[in-house]
């Protein structure tokens, strides 16, 4: 149960970070436009994609772990009862 709660917290934090960076991106665009630096926009988008990838990876691992536990538990119980 605690592992499940920590995964949800990690997903929540990653999505919060990506939302904050998306909110900051218009200001990064203005600075990049004033400085004539288009690479600054790409650098500003890296944290957004990194946090989204972290959230998706955590969700996938959580579902895989849940499936493995659901498959293994009945086998363990049948071995104990036999």
C-alpha atoms as a PDB file:
ATOM      1  CA  UNK A   1       0.000   0.000   0.000  1.00  0.00           C
ATOM      2  CA  UNK A   2       2.804   2.404   0.848  1.00  0.00           C
ATOM      3  CA  UNK A   3       4.516   1.671  -2.474  1.00  0.00           C
ATOM      4  CA  UNK A   4       1.293   2.534  -4.263  1.00  0.00           C
ATOM      5  CA  UNK A   5       1.026   5.868  -2.424  1.00  0.00           C
ATOM      6  CA  UNK A   6       4.629   6.788  -3.217  1.00  0.00           C
ATOM      7  CA  UNK A   7       4.075   6.054  -6.907  1.00  0.00           C
ATOM      8  CA  UNK A   8       1.008   8.266  -6.950  1.00  0.00           C
ATOM      9  CA  UNK A   9       2.975  11.029  -5.252  1.00  0.00           C
ATOM     10  CA  UNK A  10       5.749  10.702  -7.830  1.00  0.00           C
ATOM     11  CA  UNK A  11       3.266  10.872 -10.694  1.00  0.00           C
ATOM     12  CA  UNK A  12       1.577  13.895  -9.101  1.00  0.00           C
ATOM     13  CA  UNK A  13       4.908  15.682  -8.603  1.00  0.00           C
ATOM     14  CA  UNK A  14       6.063  14.963 -12.156  1.00  0.00           C
ATOM     15  CA  UNK A  15       2.828  16.245 -13.643  1.00  0.00           C
ATOM     16  CA  UNK A  16       2.915  19.345 -11.420  1.00  0.00           C
ATOM     17  CA  UNK A  17       6.445  20.130 -12.581  1.00  0.00           C
ATOM     18  CA  UNK A  18       5.463  19.734 -16.214  1.00  0.00           C
ATOM     19  CA  UNK A  19       2.426  22.003 -15.756  1.00  0.00           C
ATOM     20  CA  UNK A  20       4.599  24.663 -14.106  1.00  0.00           C
ATOM     21  CA  UNK A  21       7.129  24.510 -16.921  1.00  0.00           C
ATOM     22  CA  UNK A  22       4.372  24.745 -19.519  1.00  0.00           C
ATOM     23  CA  UNK A  23       3.101  27.852 -17.704  1.00  0.00           C
ATOM     24  CA  UNK A  24       6.606  29.374 -17.861  1.00  0.00           C
ATOM     25  CA  UNK A  25       7.131  28.576 -21.564  1.00  0.00           C
ATOM     26  CA  UNK A  26       5.507  31.810 -22.905  1.00  0.00           C
ATOM     27  CA  UNK A  27       8.061  33.833 -20.948  1.00  0.00           C
ATOM     28  CA  UNK A  28      10.868  31.667 -22.301  1.00  0.00           C
ATOM     29  CA  UNK A  29       9.499  32.310 -25.788  1.00  0.00           C
ATOM     30  CA  UNK A  30       9.543  36.069 -25.214  1.00  0.00           C
ATOM     31  CA  UNK A  31      13.145  35.979 -23.984  1.00  0.00           C
ATOM     32  CA  UNK A  32      14.164  33.772 -26.899  1.00  0.00           C
ATOM     33  CA  UNK A  33      12.458  36.133 -29.339  1.00  0.00           C
ATOM     34  CA  UNK A  34      14.181  39.187 -27.858  1.00  0.00           C
ATOM     35  CA  UNK A  35      17.570  37.470 -27.808  1.00  0.00           C
ATOM     36  CA  UNK A  36      17.015  35.775 -31.190  1.00  0.00           C
ATOM     37  CA  UNK A  37      17.905  32.422 -29.657  1.00  0.00           C
ATOM     38  CA  UNK A  38      15.606  29.648 -30.910  1.00  0.00           C
ATOM     39  CA  UNK A  39      17.627  27.001 -29.026  1.00  0.00           C
ATOM     40  CA  UNK A  40      16.386  28.455 -25.754  1.00  0.00           C
ATOM     41  CA  UNK A  41      12.876  27.174 -26.490  1.00  0.00           C
ATOM     42  CA  UNK A  42      14.187  23.638 -26.993  1.00  0.00           C
ATOM     43  CA  UNK A  43      16.148  23.850 -23.741  1.00  0.00           C
ATOM     44  CA  UNK A  44      12.991  25.098 -22.005  1.00  0.00           C
ATOM     45  CA  UNK A  45      10.996  22.125 -23.297  1.00  0.00           C
ATOM     46  CA  UNK A  46      13.408  19.473 -21.978  1.00  0.00           C
ATOM     47  CA  UNK A  47      12.140  19.571 -18.342  1.00  0.00           C
ATOM     48  CA  UNK A  48       8.542  19.307 -19.566  1.00  0.00           C
ATOM     49  CA  UNK A  49       9.217  16.150 -21.551  1.00  0.00           C
ATOM     50  CA  UNK A  50      11.461  14.705 -18.830  1.00  0.00           C
ATOM     51  CA  UNK A  51       8.778  15.040 -16.165  1.00  0.00           C
ATOM     52  CA  UNK A  52       6.081  13.610 -18.458  1.00  0.00           C
ATOM     53  CA  UNK A  53       8.328  10.638 -19.268  1.00  0.00           C
ATOM     54  CA  UNK A  54       8.930  10.120 -15.534  1.00  0.00           C
ATOM     55  CA  UNK A  55       5.188  10.122 -14.826  1.00  0.00           C
ATOM     56  CA  UNK A  56       4.392   7.697 -17.651  1.00  0.00           C
ATOM     57  CA  UNK A  57       7.269   5.370 -16.734  1.00  0.00           C
ATOM     58  CA  UNK A  58       6.148   5.312 -13.098  1.00  0.00           C
ATOM     59  CA  UNK A  59       2.560   4.527 -14.085  1.00  0.00           C
ATOM     60  CA  UNK A  60       3.669   1.700 -16.395  1.00  0.00           C
ATOM     61  CA  UNK A  61       5.914   0.176 -13.736  1.00  0.00           C
ATOM     62  CA  UNK A  62       3.121   0.445 -11.189  1.00  0.00           C
ATOM     63  CA  UNK A  63       0.709  -1.463 -13.445  1.00  0.00           C
ATOM     64  CA  UNK A  64       3.320  -4.103 -14.257  1.00  0.00           C
ATOM     65  CA  UNK A  65       4.098  -4.620 -10.576  1.00  0.00           C
ATOM     66  CA  UNK A  66       0.416  -4.869  -9.761  1.00  0.00           C
ATOM     67  CA  UNK A  67      -0.071  -7.497 -12.495  1.00  0.00           C
ATOM     68  CA  UNK A  68       2.906  -9.550 -11.268  1.00  0.00           C
ATOM     69  CA  UNK A  69       1.600  -9.484  -7.714  1.00  0.00           C
ATOM     70  CA  UNK A  70      -1.864 -10.574  -8.875  1.00  0.00           C
ATOM     71  CA  UNK A  71      -0.364 -13.473 -10.837  1.00  0.00           C
ATOM     72  CA  UNK A  72       1.995 -14.653  -8.082  1.00  0.00           C
ATOM     73  CA  UNK A  73      -0.322 -14.437  -5.071  1.00  0.00           C
ATOM     74  CA  UNK A  74      -2.733 -17.226  -6.083  1.00  0.00           C
ATOM     75  CA  UNK A  75       0.215 -19.520  -6.852  1.00  0.00           C
ATOM     76  CA  UNK A  76       1.717 -18.881  -3.424  1.00  0.00           C
ATOM     77  CA  UNK A  77      -1.606 -19.560  -1.684  1.00  0.00           C
ATOM     78  CA  UNK A  78      -2.161 -22.822  -3.553  1.00  0.00           C
ATOM     79  CA  UNK A  79       1.342 -24.028  -2.625  1.00  0.00           C
ATOM     80  CA  UNK A  80       0.704 -23.246   1.037  1.00  0.00           C
ATOM     81  CA  UNK A  81      -2.643 -25.056   1.062  1.00  0.00           C
ATOM     82  CA  UNK A  82      -1.302 -28.169  -0.698  1.00  0.00           C
END
